[in-house]
């Protein structure tokens, strides 16, 4: 909805600059410790990778494919997080987990192989799928790397640094790269404010806090709820199609997810 009024780069710059600045202002007034030196740079870099590449991929993908389908594709992200965790010295993969990954891969292949959403998107589903997987990989690496840092700064302050870094990084691109002009509307501005408050200040802060307290496999469960909410909202607001193929693909993906959860320590 925000993309109706704001081009992608401007939307990303405005959203994350605003949320990061608001959080940091509150943290400063409340006397919270601010990161310095290496901790500051690591926070900024993980923000560029996770929010810049990860969320940026989603914003651009939603120019091509329906939001419900984008959310279903992103439901594959827990598999990347489990895999990255194993590859970087975390919990090792074992046979039942691999079986779950394969089941999820079958569901993802079914999801992008055709159906109503692909026809609606004009054949751009494959490109959107690849872009979103790049975003998921970037999100997984950034999340796990940040999780393994042992600084003294509160996680929500770290999240604020990450958001401000991503917003400031997008600002020059938004100014220099030609995009369609901003067309302010109550609907678009309201959607941007919703993303700033609930998507970033509330949602991302909750995620980055949980990431320091819970196992990777447990934290990643948030993405399983997204498709259900997004498909319902996509149908309600935009009357986006949802066919039998998408329903079966979602069921297969969730079955793979259930296997991974069941056999993860």
Protein backbone atom coordinates (compact mmCIF):
# COMPACT_ATOMS: atom_id res chain seq x y z
CA UNK A 1 0.00 0.00 0.00
CA UNK A 2 2.87 2.37 0.77
CA UNK A 3 4.30 1.64 -2.68
CA UNK A 4 1.22 3.28 -4.19
CA UNK A 5 2.56 6.64 -2.99
CA UNK A 6 6.29 6.14 -2.54
CA UNK A 7 8.88 4.63 -4.92
CA UNK A 8 10.89 1.75 -3.37
CA UNK A 9 14.13 3.57 -2.54
CA UNK A 10 12.35 6.58 -1.06
CA UNK A 11 10.07 4.29 0.96
CA UNK A 12 13.01 2.39 2.45
CA UNK A 13 14.95 5.59 3.21
CA UNK A 14 12.00 7.30 4.88
CA UNK A 15 10.85 4.26 6.83
CA UNK A 16 14.14 3.22 8.39
CA UNK A 17 15.54 6.72 8.88
CA UNK A 18 12.39 7.71 10.78
CA UNK A 19 12.15 4.58 12.92
CA UNK A 20 15.87 4.54 13.70
CA UNK A 21 15.97 8.23 14.60
CA UNK A 22 12.88 7.94 16.86
CA UNK A 23 14.25 4.91 18.70
CA UNK A 24 17.68 6.47 19.18
CA UNK A 25 16.16 9.73 20.44
CA UNK A 26 14.11 7.82 23.02
CA UNK A 27 17.16 5.74 23.99
CA UNK A 28 19.31 8.86 24.41
CA UNK A 29 16.72 10.68 26.53
CA UNK A 30 16.28 7.59 28.71
CA UNK A 31 20.04 7.36 29.28
CA UNK A 32 20.55 4.05 27.49
CA UNK A 33 24.11 3.02 26.63
CA UNK A 34 25.09 3.78 23.03
CA UNK A 35 27.35 1.40 21.08
CA UNK A 36 30.86 2.54 20.26
CA UNK A 37 33.78 1.36 18.15
CA UNK A 38 33.48 -2.15 16.76
CA UNK A 39 30.04 -2.70 18.29
CA UNK A 40 28.72 0.36 16.44
CA UNK A 41 30.20 -0.68 13.10
CA UNK A 42 28.98 -4.27 13.40
CA UNK A 43 25.47 -3.01 14.19
CA UNK A 44 25.49 -0.71 11.18
CA UNK A 45 26.82 -3.40 8.83
CA UNK A 46 24.31 -6.03 9.97
CA UNK A 47 21.60 -3.43 9.48
CA UNK A 48 22.73 -2.81 5.92
CA UNK A 49 22.80 -6.54 5.23
CA UNK A 50 19.62 -7.62 7.01
CA UNK A 51 17.35 -4.61 6.55
CA UNK A 52 19.01 -3.12 3.48
CA UNK A 53 19.31 -6.28 1.39
CA UNK A 54 16.68 -8.38 3.18
CA UNK A 55 13.79 -5.93 3.47
CA UNK A 56 14.91 -4.10 0.33
CA UNK A 57 14.50 -7.31 -1.66
CA UNK A 58 10.94 -7.65 -0.37
CA UNK A 59 10.01 -4.08 -1.31
CA UNK A 60 11.27 -4.49 -4.89
CA UNK A 61 9.78 -7.98 -5.23
CA UNK A 62 6.35 -6.61 -4.35
CA UNK A 63 6.51 -4.47 -7.47
CA UNK A 64 6.27 -7.73 -9.44
CA UNK A 65 4.28 -10.21 -7.38
CA UNK A 66 1.25 -10.09 -5.02
CA UNK A 67 1.98 -9.47 -1.34
CA UNK A 68 0.42 -12.77 -0.28
CA UNK A 69 2.67 -14.73 -2.60
CA UNK A 70 5.70 -12.76 -1.41
CA UNK A 71 4.89 -13.66 2.19
CA UNK A 72 4.54 -17.34 1.29
CA UNK A 73 7.92 -17.34 -0.44
CA UNK A 74 9.48 -15.67 2.60
CA UNK A 75 8.11 -18.50 4.74
CA UNK A 76 11.07 -20.45 3.34
CA UNK A 77 13.46 -18.20 5.31
CA UNK A 78 13.65 -20.46 8.41
CA UNK A 79 15.38 -23.07 6.28
CA UNK A 80 18.06 -20.55 5.40
CA UNK A 81 18.45 -19.59 9.05
CA UNK A 82 18.81 -23.23 10.13
CA UNK A 83 21.32 -23.85 7.32
CA UNK A 84 23.38 -20.74 8.01
CA UNK A 85 23.40 -21.58 11.72
CA UNK A 86 24.86 -25.02 10.93
CA UNK A 87 27.37 -23.73 8.38
CA UNK A 88 28.72 -21.13 10.80
CA UNK A 89 29.38 -23.47 13.70
CA UNK A 90 25.95 -23.59 15.36
CA UNK A 91 23.62 -26.56 15.73
CA UNK A 92 24.59 -29.20 13.15
CA UNK A 93 22.18 -30.45 10.52
CA UNK A 94 21.07 -34.07 10.83
CA UNK A 95 18.97 -36.40 8.69
CA UNK A 96 15.43 -35.49 9.88
CA UNK A 97 16.26 -31.80 9.54
CA UNK A 98 17.53 -32.32 6.00
CA UNK A 99 14.31 -34.23 5.22
CA UNK A 100 12.32 -31.25 6.43
CA UNK A 101 14.38 -28.93 4.27
CA UNK A 102 13.72 -31.07 1.22
CA UNK A 103 9.96 -31.13 1.89
CA UNK A 104 10.01 -27.36 2.18
CA UNK A 105 11.97 -27.09 -1.07
CA UNK A 106 9.28 -29.16 -2.83
CA UNK A 107 6.64 -26.78 -1.51
CA UNK A 108 8.62 -23.74 -2.68
CA UNK A 109 9.05 -25.30 -6.15
CA UNK A 110 5.31 -25.97 -6.32
CA UNK A 111 4.61 -22.41 -5.22
CA UNK A 112 6.51 -20.85 -8.14
CA UNK A 113 5.60 -23.43 -10.77
CA UNK A 114 2.35 -21.81 -11.86
CA UNK A 115 -1.17 -21.08 -10.71
CA UNK A 116 -3.33 -18.01 -10.34
CA UNK A 117 -0.72 -15.81 -8.68
CA UNK A 118 1.79 -16.42 -11.45
CA UNK A 119 -0.74 -15.46 -14.11
CA UNK A 120 -1.60 -12.32 -12.18
CA UNK A 121 2.03 -11.38 -11.81
CA UNK A 122 2.62 -11.65 -15.55
CA UNK A 123 5.23 -14.43 -15.31
CA UNK A 124 7.46 -12.47 -12.90
CA UNK A 125 7.15 -15.01 -10.08
CA UNK A 126 10.49 -16.70 -10.81
CA UNK A 127 12.37 -13.39 -10.69
CA UNK A 128 10.57 -12.43 -7.49
CA UNK A 129 11.37 -15.81 -5.97
CA UNK A 130 15.10 -15.47 -6.69
CA UNK A 131 15.21 -11.90 -5.36
CA UNK A 132 13.42 -12.90 -2.17
CA UNK A 133 15.77 -15.83 -1.59
CA UNK A 134 18.73 -13.44 -1.85
CA UNK A 135 17.00 -11.30 0.74
CA UNK A 136 16.35 -14.30 3.00
CA UNK A 137 20.01 -15.35 2.85
CA UNK A 138 21.15 -11.82 3.71
CA UNK A 139 18.63 -11.66 6.58
CA UNK A 140 19.80 -15.03 7.93
CA UNK A 141 23.51 -14.15 7.88
CA UNK A 142 22.88 -10.73 9.46
CA UNK A 143 20.60 -12.15 12.16
CA UNK A 144 22.92 -14.96 13.20
CA UNK A 145 26.05 -12.81 13.12
CA UNK A 146 24.37 -10.14 15.24
CA UNK A 147 23.07 -12.80 17.63
CA UNK A 148 26.60 -13.97 18.35
CA UNK A 149 27.88 -10.54 19.35
CA UNK A 150 28.38 -10.04 23.07
CA UNK A 151 28.19 -6.30 23.54
CA UNK A 152 26.77 -4.42 26.52
CA UNK A 153 24.29 -2.31 24.54
CA UNK A 154 20.59 -3.14 24.80
CA UNK A 155 19.30 -5.08 21.74
CA UNK A 156 16.64 -2.47 20.96
CA UNK A 157 19.33 0.23 20.74
CA UNK A 158 21.30 -2.06 18.42
CA UNK A 159 18.14 -2.43 16.32
CA UNK A 160 17.79 1.34 16.19
CA UNK A 161 21.36 1.70 14.88
CA UNK A 162 20.64 -0.97 12.27
CA UNK A 163 17.51 0.81 11.09
CA UNK A 164 19.11 4.24 10.92
CA UNK A 165 22.11 2.82 9.03
CA UNK A 166 19.81 1.18 6.47
CA UNK A 167 17.74 4.33 6.07
CA UNK A 168 20.75 6.59 5.59
CA UNK A 169 22.26 4.14 3.11
CA UNK A 170 19.13 4.27 0.95
CA UNK A 171 18.83 8.08 1.10
CA UNK A 172 21.55 8.93 -1.50
CA UNK A 173 20.23 6.27 -3.86
CA UNK A 174 16.69 7.64 -3.49
CA UNK A 175 17.95 11.13 -4.38
CA UNK A 176 20.22 10.14 -7.28
CA UNK A 177 18.44 7.21 -8.98
CA UNK A 178 15.40 8.22 -11.07
CA UNK A 179 12.15 6.79 -9.74
CA UNK A 180 8.53 7.75 -10.16
CA UNK A 181 7.67 10.86 -8.10
CA UNK A 182 6.17 10.65 -4.64
CA UNK A 183 2.38 10.96 -4.82
CA UNK A 184 1.20 11.66 -1.27
CA UNK A 185 -2.17 10.27 -0.23
CA UNK A 186 -3.82 9.52 3.09
CA UNK A 187 -3.66 5.83 2.24
CA UNK A 188 0.04 5.83 1.31
CA UNK A 189 1.20 8.08 4.14
CA UNK A 190 -0.87 6.06 6.60
CA UNK A 191 0.78 2.86 5.36
CA UNK A 192 4.24 4.42 5.75
CA UNK A 193 3.42 5.48 9.32
CA UNK A 194 2.17 1.98 10.06
CA UNK A 195 5.44 0.51 8.76
CA UNK A 196 7.49 2.94 10.85
CA UNK A 197 5.58 2.28 14.08
CA UNK A 198 4.50 -1.36 13.89
CA UNK A 199 6.80 -2.81 11.25
CA UNK A 200 10.00 -1.21 12.53
CA UNK A 201 9.75 0.29 16.02
CA UNK A 202 7.55 -2.50 17.44
CA UNK A 203 8.10 -5.44 15.08
CA UNK A 204 11.81 -5.27 14.34
CA UNK A 205 12.68 -4.27 17.91
CA UNK A 206 10.79 -7.33 19.15
CA UNK A 207 12.63 -9.52 16.66
CA UNK A 208 16.11 -8.25 17.53
CA UNK A 209 15.36 -8.59 21.25
CA UNK A 210 14.05 -12.15 20.88
CA UNK A 211 17.09 -13.03 18.79
CA UNK A 212 19.32 -12.47 21.83
CA UNK A 213 17.13 -14.57 24.15
CA UNK A 214 15.87 -17.54 22.12
CA UNK A 215 17.19 -20.24 19.80
CA UNK A 216 17.39 -19.40 16.10
CA UNK A 217 14.81 -22.06 15.23
CA UNK A 218 12.33 -20.59 17.72
CA UNK A 219 12.81 -16.98 16.61
CA UNK A 220 12.29 -17.89 12.96
CA UNK A 221 8.72 -19.05 13.66
CA UNK A 222 7.45 -15.49 13.10
CA UNK A 223 7.68 -15.99 9.36
CA UNK A 224 5.20 -18.88 9.40
CA UNK A 225 2.41 -16.57 10.53
CA UNK A 226 3.15 -13.94 7.86
CA UNK A 227 1.69 -15.86 4.88
CA UNK A 228 -1.63 -16.46 6.63
CA UNK A 229 -1.98 -12.79 7.55
CA UNK A 230 -0.67 -11.49 4.21
CA UNK A 231 -2.87 -13.75 2.09
CA UNK A 232 -5.94 -12.70 4.05
CA UNK A 233 -5.07 -8.99 3.86
CA UNK A 234 -4.11 -9.28 0.18
CA UNK A 235 -7.48 -10.79 -0.62
CA UNK A 236 -9.38 -8.33 1.60
CA UNK A 237 -7.68 -5.14 0.38
CA UNK A 238 -6.64 -5.93 -3.19
CA UNK A 239 -8.70 -9.04 -3.99
CA UNK A 240 -5.45 -10.83 -4.84
CA UNK A 241 -6.15 -14.39 -6.04
CA UNK A 242 -5.41 -17.43 -3.94
CA UNK A 243 -5.82 -20.76 -5.71
CA UNK A 244 -5.62 -24.45 -4.91
CA UNK A 245 -1.96 -24.64 -5.95
CA UNK A 246 -0.96 -21.93 -3.49
CA UNK A 247 -2.90 -23.62 -0.69
CA UNK A 248 -1.22 -26.98 -1.34
CA UNK A 249 2.21 -25.34 -1.60
CA UNK A 250 1.67 -23.59 1.73
CA UNK A 251 0.67 -26.89 3.35
CA UNK A 252 3.80 -28.61 2.00
CA UNK A 253 6.08 -25.79 3.15
CA UNK A 254 4.54 -25.85 6.62
CA UNK A 255 4.96 -29.64 6.74
CA UNK A 256 8.65 -29.20 6.04
CA UNK A 257 8.83 -26.50 8.69
CA UNK A 258 7.14 -28.80 11.19
CA UNK A 259 9.71 -31.52 10.52
CA UNK A 260 12.60 -29.09 11.05
CA UNK A 261 11.06 -27.88 14.30
CA UNK A 262 10.27 -31.36 15.50
CA UNK A 263 13.82 -32.64 15.12
CA UNK A 264 15.80 -29.52 16.01
CA UNK A 265 17.39 -29.62 19.45
